[in-house]
């Protein structure tokens, strides 16, 4: 047996000659960089703070902190540490046929098209909390994220009026056909400000894709990870998450810039139409008042 084994043994020199490979490659031992341990430790800390982030977004955060962290290097450490983000189920993508859908009527500049919708969760005692979210489709900024037990038409108008005073008036607002958005009070008020309302086809949330995408991030990275002791706690944590989303969270569709960074490089092309004094909230008749306490 030893005789047969000796016959089939090939020297390292001969094997490298046959394979046309430098002999030094067979003796090379990789030397870890001096910052490898510290980088790996910081990567684990960020992954623990942001469990829904993948290695690319973690690598972007590390580079912002001054680390020499390419995507490939972070991926190697990511695999070595056994990190993995659970994959979400992918839904079938539909483009929709509505002319008001986000595919057919795309935002061309900052403050061109805003979109809004509602999302729901509960506090520890089981009471419902409702969030009103307003997003700029071009910059991906979360302009408003209002949490309350219920939100009336007056609350929606007050939130919009505050945004208009601070940021200006958009050309269009996209939404579904929920009773909150088609109420006569809101339609009349938006019409006075010459804001076009883009209502998508009923039962076609993919046509309002930007706000649906935002709500996916909101639920995945915030609502699914936090327990709210009270409405006050929900409001405080919501404001912290909104600031983090706009100013610190790299957005992949913006070339890993934050929405605030991208917005700072954009110039709003739409002329401001806000009058010196914003129109007062229209009076709501009792039979027209819409209470937003049920999901749309």
C-alpha atoms as a PDB file:
ATOM      1  CA  UNK A   1       0.000   0.000   0.000  1.00  0.00           C
ATOM      2  CA  UNK A   2       2.837   2.358   0.893  1.00  0.00           C
ATOM      3  CA  UNK A   3       4.511   1.410  -2.380  1.00  0.00           C
ATOM      4  CA  UNK A   4       1.421   2.382  -4.394  1.00  0.00           C
ATOM      5  CA  UNK A   5       1.069   5.628  -2.463  1.00  0.00           C
ATOM      6  CA  UNK A   6       4.682   6.559  -3.168  1.00  0.00           C
ATOM      7  CA  UNK A   7       4.153   5.966  -6.897  1.00  0.00           C
ATOM      8  CA  UNK A   8       1.313   8.499  -7.048  1.00  0.00           C
ATOM      9  CA  UNK A   9       2.995  11.214  -4.951  1.00  0.00           C
ATOM     10  CA  UNK A  10       3.926  14.337  -6.940  1.00  0.00           C
ATOM     11  CA  UNK A  11       6.240  17.012  -5.683  1.00  0.00           C
ATOM     12  CA  UNK A  12       4.974  20.540  -5.137  1.00  0.00           C
ATOM     13  CA  UNK A  13       7.418  21.872  -7.741  1.00  0.00           C
ATOM     14  CA  UNK A  14       6.189  19.404 -10.382  1.00  0.00           C
ATOM     15  CA  UNK A  15       2.500  20.016  -9.613  1.00  0.00           C
ATOM     16  CA  UNK A  16       2.937  23.798  -9.908  1.00  0.00           C
ATOM     17  CA  UNK A  17       4.776  23.396 -13.206  1.00  0.00           C
ATOM     18  CA  UNK A  18       1.946  21.283 -14.620  1.00  0.00           C
ATOM     19  CA  UNK A  19      -0.720  23.744 -13.462  1.00  0.00           C
ATOM     20  CA  UNK A  20       1.369  26.790 -14.426  1.00  0.00           C
ATOM     21  CA  UNK A  21       0.918  28.186 -10.928  1.00  0.00           C
ATOM     22  CA  UNK A  22       3.485  30.058  -8.800  1.00  0.00           C
ATOM     23  CA  UNK A  23       4.794  27.983  -5.900  1.00  0.00           C
ATOM     24  CA  UNK A  24       4.397  30.963  -3.567  1.00  0.00           C
ATOM     25  CA  UNK A  25       0.613  30.716  -3.939  1.00  0.00           C
ATOM     26  CA  UNK A  26       0.701  27.311  -2.210  1.00  0.00           C
ATOM     27  CA  UNK A  27       2.547  28.704   0.801  1.00  0.00           C
ATOM     28  CA  UNK A  28       0.656  31.981   1.205  1.00  0.00           C
ATOM     29  CA  UNK A  29      -1.063  32.452   4.548  1.00  0.00           C
ATOM     30  CA  UNK A  30      -3.566  35.304   4.683  1.00  0.00           C
ATOM     31  CA  UNK A  31      -2.770  37.958   7.272  1.00  0.00           C
ATOM     32  CA  UNK A  32      -5.814  39.742   8.724  1.00  0.00           C
ATOM     33  CA  UNK A  33      -5.701  43.530   8.733  1.00  0.00           C
ATOM     34  CA  UNK A  34      -4.953  45.304  11.964  1.00  0.00           C
ATOM     35  CA  UNK A  35      -8.507  46.701  12.135  1.00  0.00           C
ATOM     36  CA  UNK A  36     -10.229  43.400  11.333  1.00  0.00           C
ATOM     37  CA  UNK A  37     -11.315  42.644  14.894  1.00  0.00           C
ATOM     38  CA  UNK A  38     -12.544  46.176  15.573  1.00  0.00           C
ATOM     39  CA  UNK A  39     -14.392  46.325  12.258  1.00  0.00           C
ATOM     40  CA  UNK A  40     -16.052  42.975  12.888  1.00  0.00           C
ATOM     41  CA  UNK A  41     -17.098  44.107  16.371  1.00  0.00           C
ATOM     42  CA  UNK A  42     -18.611  47.336  15.047  1.00  0.00           C
ATOM     43  CA  UNK A  43     -20.381  45.451  12.262  1.00  0.00           C
ATOM     44  CA  UNK A  44     -22.001  43.161  14.838  1.00  0.00           C
ATOM     45  CA  UNK A  45     -23.081  46.165  16.912  1.00  0.00           C
ATOM     46  CA  UNK A  46     -24.759  47.785  13.903  1.00  0.00           C
ATOM     47  CA  UNK A  47     -26.381  44.502  12.898  1.00  0.00           C
ATOM     48  CA  UNK A  48     -27.789  44.186  16.421  1.00  0.00           C
ATOM     49  CA  UNK A  49     -29.108  47.773  16.363  1.00  0.00           C
ATOM     50  CA  UNK A  50     -30.597  47.349  12.888  1.00  0.00           C
ATOM     51  CA  UNK A  51     -31.523  43.671  12.529  1.00  0.00           C
ATOM     52  CA  UNK A  52     -33.394  44.218   9.257  1.00  0.00           C
ATOM     53  CA  UNK A  53     -30.390  45.722   7.436  1.00  0.00           C
ATOM     54  CA  UNK A  54     -28.372  43.609   5.005  1.00  0.00           C
ATOM     55  CA  UNK A  55     -24.601  43.705   4.562  1.00  0.00           C
ATOM     56  CA  UNK A  56     -24.677  46.391   1.833  1.00  0.00           C
ATOM     57  CA  UNK A  57     -26.513  48.912   4.003  1.00  0.00           C
ATOM     58  CA  UNK A  58     -24.353  48.003   7.015  1.00  0.00           C
ATOM     59  CA  UNK A  59     -21.259  48.532   4.849  1.00  0.00           C
ATOM     60  CA  UNK A  60     -22.566  51.953   3.879  1.00  0.00           C
ATOM     61  CA  UNK A  61     -23.018  52.895   7.545  1.00  0.00           C
ATOM     62  CA  UNK A  62     -19.501  51.701   8.338  1.00  0.00           C
ATOM     63  CA  UNK A  63     -18.016  53.812   5.547  1.00  0.00           C
ATOM     64  CA  UNK A  64     -19.891  56.827   6.885  1.00  0.00           C
ATOM     65  CA  UNK A  65     -18.122  56.265  10.194  1.00  0.00           C
ATOM     66  CA  UNK A  66     -14.733  56.264   8.476  1.00  0.00           C
ATOM     67  CA  UNK A  67     -14.038  52.519   8.252  1.00  0.00           C
ATOM     68  CA  UNK A  68     -12.353  50.994   5.207  1.00  0.00           C
ATOM     69  CA  UNK A  69     -15.262  48.714   4.499  1.00  0.00           C
ATOM     70  CA  UNK A  70     -15.962  47.716   0.931  1.00  0.00           C
ATOM     71  CA  UNK A  71     -19.042  45.639   0.198  1.00  0.00           C
ATOM     72  CA  UNK A  72     -16.914  42.555  -0.500  1.00  0.00           C
ATOM     73  CA  UNK A  73     -14.951  42.912   2.738  1.00  0.00           C
ATOM     74  CA  UNK A  74     -18.074  43.361   4.828  1.00  0.00           C
ATOM     75  CA  UNK A  75     -19.717  40.432   3.038  1.00  0.00           C
ATOM     76  CA  UNK A  76     -16.751  38.198   3.937  1.00  0.00           C
ATOM     77  CA  UNK A  77     -17.006  39.198   7.598  1.00  0.00           C
ATOM     78  CA  UNK A  78     -20.786  38.935   7.440  1.00  0.00           C
ATOM     79  CA  UNK A  79     -20.580  35.328   6.266  1.00  0.00           C
ATOM     80  CA  UNK A  80     -17.830  34.512   8.751  1.00  0.00           C
ATOM     81  CA  UNK A  81     -20.006  35.708  11.644  1.00  0.00           C
ATOM     82  CA  UNK A  82     -22.987  33.740  10.356  1.00  0.00           C
ATOM     83  CA  UNK A  83     -25.201  36.787   9.901  1.00  0.00           C
ATOM     84  CA  UNK A  84     -28.256  36.543   7.699  1.00  0.00           C
ATOM     85  CA  UNK A  85     -31.337  38.696   7.279  1.00  0.00           C
ATOM     86  CA  UNK A  86     -34.528  36.589   7.070  1.00  0.00           C
ATOM     87  CA  UNK A  87     -35.913  36.851   3.564  1.00  0.00           C
ATOM     88  CA  UNK A  88     -39.353  38.350   3.178  1.00  0.00           C
ATOM     89  CA  UNK A  89     -41.866  36.737   0.886  1.00  0.00           C
ATOM     90  CA  UNK A  90     -41.917  38.450  -2.465  1.00  0.00           C
ATOM     91  CA  UNK A  91     -45.318  39.454  -3.710  1.00  0.00           C
ATOM     92  CA  UNK A  92     -46.321  39.332  -7.335  1.00  0.00           C
ATOM     93  CA  UNK A  93     -45.650  42.683  -8.940  1.00  0.00           C
ATOM     94  CA  UNK A  94     -48.441  44.292 -10.908  1.00  0.00           C
ATOM     95  CA  UNK A  95     -48.102  47.565 -12.758  1.00  0.00           C
ATOM     96  CA  UNK A  96     -51.809  48.350 -12.775  1.00  0.00           C
ATOM     97  CA  UNK A  97     -53.828  50.051 -15.473  1.00  0.00           C
ATOM     98  CA  UNK A  98     -54.874  53.266 -13.755  1.00  0.00           C
ATOM     99  CA  UNK A  99     -53.553  56.447 -15.341  1.00  0.00           C
ATOM    100  CA  UNK A 100     -53.059  57.772 -11.810  1.00  0.00           C
ATOM    101  CA  UNK A 101     -50.746  54.900 -10.814  1.00  0.00           C
ATOM    102  CA  UNK A 102     -47.140  55.580  -9.841  1.00  0.00           C
ATOM    103  CA  UNK A 103     -45.866  53.907 -13.018  1.00  0.00           C
ATOM    104  CA  UNK A 104     -47.862  56.128 -15.390  1.00  0.00           C
ATOM    105  CA  UNK A 105     -47.720  59.399 -13.417  1.00  0.00           C
ATOM    106  CA  UNK A 106     -44.197  59.549 -12.061  1.00  0.00           C
ATOM    107  CA  UNK A 107     -42.741  62.287  -9.875  1.00  0.00           C
ATOM    108  CA  UNK A 108     -40.320  64.410 -11.893  1.00  0.00           C
ATOM    109  CA  UNK A 109     -38.869  66.610  -9.162  1.00  0.00           C
ATOM    110  CA  UNK A 110     -39.026  67.432  -5.483  1.00  0.00           C
ATOM    111  CA  UNK A 111     -42.527  68.305  -4.259  1.00  0.00           C
ATOM    112  CA  UNK A 112     -44.098  67.195  -7.536  1.00  0.00           C
ATOM    113  CA  UNK A 113     -46.053  64.197  -6.208  1.00  0.00           C
ATOM    114  CA  UNK A 114     -46.750  63.374  -2.587  1.00  0.00           C
ATOM    115  CA  UNK A 115     -48.454  60.170  -1.505  1.00  0.00           C
ATOM    116  CA  UNK A 116     -50.241  59.315   1.699  1.00  0.00           C
ATOM    117  CA  UNK A 117     -51.939  56.438   3.450  1.00  0.00           C
ATOM    118  CA  UNK A 118     -52.589  54.915   6.872  1.00  0.00           C
ATOM    119  CA  UNK A 119     -50.996  52.037   8.774  1.00  0.00           C
ATOM    120  CA  UNK A 120     -52.171  50.428  12.012  1.00  0.00           C
ATOM    121  CA  UNK A 121     -50.709  48.799  15.101  1.00  0.00           C
ATOM    122  CA  UNK A 122     -51.620  48.384  18.790  1.00  0.00           C
ATOM    123  CA  UNK A 123     -50.272  49.327  22.198  1.00  0.00           C
ATOM    124  CA  UNK A 124     -49.576  46.732  24.891  1.00  0.00           C
ATOM    125  CA  UNK A 125     -53.146  46.908  26.205  1.00  0.00           C
ATOM    126  CA  UNK A 126     -54.546  46.117  22.749  1.00  0.00           C
ATOM    127  CA  UNK A 127     -55.768  49.618  21.888  1.00  0.00           C
ATOM    128  CA  UNK A 128     -55.414  50.615  18.248  1.00  0.00           C
ATOM    129  CA  UNK A 129     -52.912  53.217  17.084  1.00  0.00           C
ATOM    130  CA  UNK A 130     -53.217  54.756  13.642  1.00  0.00           C
ATOM    131  CA  UNK A 131     -50.413  56.438  11.699  1.00  0.00           C
ATOM    132  CA  UNK A 132     -50.878  58.941   8.885  1.00  0.00           C
ATOM    133  CA  UNK A 133     -47.823  58.910   6.613  1.00  0.00           C
ATOM    134  CA  UNK A 134     -47.021  61.430   3.885  1.00  0.00           C
ATOM    135  CA  UNK A 135     -44.072  60.753   1.553  1.00  0.00           C
ATOM    136  CA  UNK A 136     -42.419  62.748  -1.241  1.00  0.00           C
ATOM    137  CA  UNK A 137     -42.185  60.250  -4.106  1.00  0.00           C
ATOM    138  CA  UNK A 138     -39.133  61.887  -5.713  1.00  0.00           C
ATOM    139  CA  UNK A 139     -36.899  62.301  -2.651  1.00  0.00           C
ATOM    140  CA  UNK A 140     -38.432  59.412  -0.623  1.00  0.00           C
ATOM    141  CA  UNK A 141     -38.598  61.739   2.405  1.00  0.00           C
ATOM    142  CA  UNK A 142     -41.127  60.976   5.108  1.00  0.00           C
ATOM    143  CA  UNK A 143     -42.742  64.388   5.420  1.00  0.00           C
ATOM    144  CA  UNK A 144     -45.199  63.474   8.162  1.00  0.00           C
ATOM    145  CA  UNK A 145     -45.819  60.474  10.391  1.00  0.00           C
ATOM    146  CA  UNK A 146     -48.674  61.293  12.752  1.00  0.00           C
ATOM    147  CA  UNK A 147     -49.743  58.767  15.403  1.00  0.00           C
ATOM    148  CA  UNK A 148     -53.069  58.903  17.208  1.00  0.00           C
ATOM    149  CA  UNK A 149     -55.939  56.727  18.375  1.00  0.00           C
ATOM    150  CA  UNK A 150     -58.134  58.098  15.616  1.00  0.00           C
ATOM    151  CA  UNK A 151     -57.590  60.741  12.955  1.00  0.00           C
ATOM    152  CA  UNK A 152     -60.394  62.908  11.664  1.00  0.00           C
ATOM    153  CA  UNK A 153     -60.629  64.881   8.444  1.00  0.00           C
ATOM    154  CA  UNK A 154     -59.800  68.020  10.422  1.00  0.00           C
ATOM    155  CA  UNK A 155     -56.599  66.366  11.701  1.00  0.00           C
ATOM    156  CA  UNK A 156     -55.572  65.445   8.155  1.00  0.00           C
ATOM    157  CA  UNK A 157     -56.158  69.014   6.924  1.00  0.00           C
ATOM    158  CA  UNK A 158     -54.239  70.481   9.867  1.00  0.00           C
ATOM    159  CA  UNK A 159     -51.267  68.196   9.143  1.00  0.00           C
ATOM    160  CA  UNK A 160     -51.269  69.161   5.463  1.00  0.00           C
ATOM    161  CA  UNK A 161     -51.616  72.871   6.240  1.00  0.00           C
ATOM    162  CA  UNK A 162     -48.577  72.709   8.517  1.00  0.00           C
ATOM    163  CA  UNK A 163     -46.553  70.946   5.810  1.00  0.00           C
ATOM    164  CA  UNK A 164     -47.634  73.438   3.143  1.00  0.00           C
ATOM    165  CA  UNK A 165     -46.549  76.350   5.331  1.00  0.00           C
ATOM    166  CA  UNK A 166     -43.108  74.838   5.932  1.00  0.00           C
ATOM    167  CA  UNK A 167     -42.348  73.199   2.585  1.00  0.00           C
ATOM    168  CA  UNK A 168     -44.685  74.553  -0.077  1.00  0.00           C
ATOM    169  CA  UNK A 169     -47.540  73.021  -2.015  1.00  0.00           C
ATOM    170  CA  UNK A 170     -47.095  69.908  -4.187  1.00  0.00           C
ATOM    171  CA  UNK A 171     -48.628  69.619  -7.616  1.00  0.00           C
ATOM    172  CA  UNK A 172     -50.305  66.252  -6.950  1.00  0.00           C
ATOM    173  CA  UNK A 173     -51.204  63.975  -4.064  1.00  0.00           C
ATOM    174  CA  UNK A 174     -51.650  60.251  -4.738  1.00  0.00           C
ATOM    175  CA  UNK A 175     -53.859  58.051  -2.592  1.00  0.00           C
ATOM    176  CA  UNK A 176     -56.287  55.163  -2.598  1.00  0.00           C
ATOM    177  CA  UNK A 177     -60.051  55.576  -2.438  1.00  0.00           C
ATOM    178  CA  UNK A 178     -60.461  55.287   1.302  1.00  0.00           C
ATOM    179  CA  UNK A 179     -63.142  57.449   2.941  1.00  0.00           C
ATOM    180  CA  UNK A 180     -60.396  59.541   4.508  1.00  0.00           C
ATOM    181  CA  UNK A 181     -59.120  60.773   1.160  1.00  0.00           C
ATOM    182  CA  UNK A 182     -62.349  61.163  -0.809  1.00  0.00           C
ATOM    183  CA  UNK A 183     -64.178  63.147   1.865  1.00  0.00           C
ATOM    184  CA  UNK A 184     -65.785  66.297   0.501  1.00  0.00           C
ATOM    185  CA  UNK A 185     -64.001  68.470   3.068  1.00  0.00           C
ATOM    186  CA  UNK A 186     -60.515  67.364   1.976  1.00  0.00           C
ATOM    187  CA  UNK A 187     -61.337  67.402  -1.749  1.00  0.00           C
ATOM    188  CA  UNK A 188     -62.759  70.921  -1.511  1.00  0.00           C
ATOM    189  CA  UNK A 189     -59.766  72.208   0.460  1.00  0.00           C
ATOM    190  CA  UNK A 190     -57.192  70.689  -1.926  1.00  0.00           C
ATOM    191  CA  UNK A 191     -59.099  72.069  -4.908  1.00  0.00           C
ATOM    192  CA  UNK A 192     -58.822  75.595  -3.488  1.00  0.00           C
ATOM    193  CA  UNK A 193     -55.051  75.168  -3.423  1.00  0.00           C
ATOM    194  CA  UNK A 194     -55.057  73.793  -7.014  1.00  0.00           C
ATOM    195  CA  UNK A 195     -53.621  70.441  -5.941  1.00  0.00           C
ATOM    196  CA  UNK A 196     -54.492  67.548  -8.237  1.00  0.00           C
ATOM    197  CA  UNK A 197     -55.692  64.401  -6.477  1.00  0.00           C
ATOM    198  CA  UNK A 198     -54.528  61.132  -8.055  1.00  0.00           C
ATOM    199  CA  UNK A 199     -56.837  58.323  -6.943  1.00  0.00           C
ATOM    200  CA  UNK A 200     -55.627  54.842  -7.864  1.00  0.00           C
ATOM    201  CA  UNK A 201     -57.869  51.966  -8.907  1.00  0.00           C
ATOM    202  CA  UNK A 202     -59.780  50.473  -5.944  1.00  0.00           C
ATOM    203  CA  UNK A 203     -58.143  47.303  -4.661  1.00  0.00           C
ATOM    204  CA  UNK A 204     -54.818  48.105  -6.394  1.00  0.00           C
ATOM    205  CA  UNK A 205     -52.350  49.163  -3.676  1.00  0.00           C
ATOM    206  CA  UNK A 206     -49.400  48.546  -6.016  1.00  0.00           C
ATOM    207  CA  UNK A 207     -50.463  51.615  -7.994  1.00  0.00           C
ATOM    208  CA  UNK A 208     -49.592  53.649  -4.885  1.00  0.00           C
ATOM    209  CA  UNK A 209     -46.282  51.838  -4.693  1.00  0.00           C
ATOM    210  CA  UNK A 210     -44.096  54.452  -3.020  1.00  0.00           C
ATOM    211  CA  UNK A 211     -46.158  54.738   0.134  1.00  0.00           C
ATOM    212  CA  UNK A 212     -46.650  50.946   0.183  1.00  0.00           C
ATOM    213  CA  UNK A 213     -42.872  50.533   0.002  1.00  0.00           C
ATOM    214  CA  UNK A 214     -42.441  53.031   2.822  1.00  0.00           C
ATOM    215  CA  UNK A 215     -44.989  51.187   4.946  1.00  0.00           C
ATOM    216  CA  UNK A 216     -43.100  47.947   4.327  1.00  0.00           C
ATOM    217  CA  UNK A 217     -39.944  49.549   5.776  1.00  0.00           C
ATOM    218  CA  UNK A 218     -41.944  51.133   8.593  1.00  0.00           C
ATOM    219  CA  UNK A 219     -43.465  47.844   9.681  1.00  0.00           C
ATOM    220  CA  UNK A 220     -40.360  45.745   9.097  1.00  0.00           C
ATOM    221  CA  UNK A 221     -37.859  48.047  10.822  1.00  0.00           C
ATOM    222  CA  UNK A 222     -40.038  49.773  13.420  1.00  0.00           C
ATOM    223  CA  UNK A 223     -43.530  48.471  14.174  1.00  0.00           C
ATOM    224  CA  UNK A 224     -42.452  44.812  14.216  1.00  0.00           C
ATOM    225  CA  UNK A 225     -39.586  45.564  16.614  1.00  0.00           C
ATOM    226  CA  UNK A 226     -41.165  47.932  19.132  1.00  0.00           C
ATOM    227  CA  UNK A 227     -43.799  47.456  21.833  1.00  0.00           C
ATOM    228  CA  UNK A 228     -45.666  50.633  22.687  1.00  0.00           C
ATOM    229  CA  UNK A 229     -46.602  51.076  26.322  1.00  0.00           C
ATOM    230  CA  UNK A 230     -48.877  53.995  25.544  1.00  0.00           C
ATOM    231  CA  UNK A 231     -49.841  56.445  22.825  1.00  0.00           C
ATOM    232  CA  UNK A 232     -47.303  58.899  24.217  1.00  0.00           C
ATOM    233  CA  UNK A 233     -44.517  56.320  23.885  1.00  0.00           C
ATOM    234  CA  UNK A 234     -45.649  55.513  20.335  1.00  0.00           C
ATOM    235  CA  UNK A 235     -45.477  59.195  19.377  1.00  0.00           C
ATOM    236  CA  UNK A 236     -42.005  59.634  20.877  1.00  0.00           C
ATOM    237  CA  UNK A 237     -40.573  56.526  19.209  1.00  0.00           C
ATOM    238  CA  UNK A 238     -42.271  57.427  15.922  1.00  0.00           C
ATOM    239  CA  UNK A 239     -40.557  60.819  15.830  1.00  0.00           C
ATOM    240  CA  UNK A 240     -37.171  59.238  16.570  1.00  0.00           C
ATOM    241  CA  UNK A 241     -37.644  56.647  13.800  1.00  0.00           C
ATOM    242  CA  UNK A 242     -38.815  59.283  11.310  1.00  0.00           C
ATOM    243  CA  UNK A 243     -35.706  61.402  11.945  1.00  0.00           C
ATOM    244  CA  UNK A 244     -33.477  58.342  11.625  1.00  0.00           C
ATOM    245  CA  UNK A 245     -35.191  57.310   8.378  1.00  0.00           C
ATOM    246  CA  UNK A 246     -34.760  60.735   6.792  1.00  0.00           C
ATOM    247  CA  UNK A 247     -31.273  61.623   8.023  1.00  0.00           C
ATOM    248  CA  UNK A 248     -29.348  58.410   8.785  1.00  0.00           C
ATOM    249  CA  UNK A 249     -30.846  55.447   6.928  1.00  0.00           C
ATOM    250  CA  UNK A 250     -29.161  54.870   3.518  1.00  0.00           C
ATOM    251  CA  UNK A 251     -31.764  54.375   0.786  1.00  0.00           C
ATOM    252  CA  UNK A 252     -30.791  51.864  -1.894  1.00  0.00           C
ATOM    253  CA  UNK A 253     -32.858  53.510  -4.647  1.00  0.00           C
ATOM    254  CA  UNK A 254     -31.038  56.812  -3.963  1.00  0.00           C
ATOM    255  CA  UNK A 255     -27.597  55.252  -4.465  1.00  0.00           C
ATOM    256  CA  UNK A 256     -27.372  54.741  -0.689  1.00  0.00           C
ATOM    257  CA  UNK A 257     -27.853  58.398   0.126  1.00  0.00           C
ATOM    258  CA  UNK A 258     -30.281  59.321   2.867  1.00  0.00           C
ATOM    259  CA  UNK A 259     -33.525  60.999   1.738  1.00  0.00           C
ATOM    260  CA  UNK A 260     -32.429  64.253   3.402  1.00  0.00           C
ATOM    261  CA  UNK A 261     -29.073  64.203   1.575  1.00  0.00           C
ATOM    262  CA  UNK A 262     -30.758  63.553  -1.747  1.00  0.00           C
ATOM    263  CA  UNK A 263     -33.382  66.242  -1.131  1.00  0.00           C
ATOM    264  CA  UNK A 264     -30.670  68.779  -0.334  1.00  0.00           C
ATOM    265  CA  UNK A 265     -29.276  68.275  -3.853  1.00  0.00           C
ATOM    266  CA  UNK A 266     -32.687  68.672  -5.476  1.00  0.00           C
ATOM    267  CA  UNK A 267     -34.284  71.960  -6.419  1.00  0.00           C
ATOM    268  CA  UNK A 268     -38.053  72.050  -6.331  1.00  0.00           C
ATOM    269  CA  UNK A 269     -39.207  72.958  -9.833  1.00  0.00           C
ATOM    270  CA  UNK A 270     -42.791  73.561  -8.816  1.00  0.00           C
ATOM    271  CA  UNK A 271     -43.576  77.206  -7.948  1.00  0.00           C
ATOM    272  CA  UNK A 272     -44.793  77.792  -4.464  1.00  0.00           C
ATOM    273  CA  UNK A 273     -48.499  78.438  -4.373  1.00  0.00           C
ATOM    274  CA  UNK A 274     -48.931  78.932  -0.658  1.00  0.00           C
ATOM    275  CA  UNK A 275     -50.691  82.249   0.031  1.00  0.00           C
ATOM    276  CA  UNK A 276     -49.443  84.412   2.923  1.00  0.00           C
ATOM    277  CA  UNK A 277     -52.241  83.010   5.037  1.00  0.00           C
ATOM    278  CA  UNK A 278     -53.217  79.400   4.439  1.00  0.00           C
ATOM    279  CA  UNK A 279     -56.931  78.847   3.869  1.00  0.00           C
ATOM    280  CA  UNK A 280     -58.714  77.945   7.080  1.00  0.00           C
ATOM    281  CA  UNK A 281     -59.900  74.430   7.581  1.00  0.00           C
ATOM    282  CA  UNK A 282     -63.357  74.130   6.027  1.00  0.00           C
ATOM    283  CA  UNK A 283     -66.247  73.591   8.395  1.00  0.00           C
ATOM    284  CA  UNK A 284     -67.287  69.984   8.519  1.00  0.00           C
ATOM    285  CA  UNK A 285     -70.984  69.271   8.459  1.00  0.00           C
ATOM    286  CA  UNK A 286     -72.086  66.577  10.853  1.00  0.00           C
ATOM    287  CA  UNK A 287     -73.324  64.339   8.058  1.00  0.00           C
ATOM    288  CA  UNK A 288     -70.123  64.820   6.044  1.00  0.00           C
ATOM    289  CA  UNK A 289     -67.612  64.482   8.883  1.00  0.00           C
ATOM    290  CA  UNK A 290     -65.400  61.431   8.431  1.00  0.00           C
ATOM    291  CA  UNK A 291     -63.857  59.767  11.440  1.00  0.00           C
ATOM    292  CA  UNK A 292     -60.835  57.735  10.506  1.00  0.00           C
ATOM    293  CA  UNK A 293     -61.069  54.991  13.056  1.00  0.00           C
ATOM    294  CA  UNK A 294     -61.325  51.998  10.753  1.00  0.00           C
ATOM    295  CA  UNK A 295     -58.757  50.733   8.241  1.00  0.00           C
ATOM    296  CA  UNK A 296     -59.422  51.771   4.672  1.00  0.00           C
END
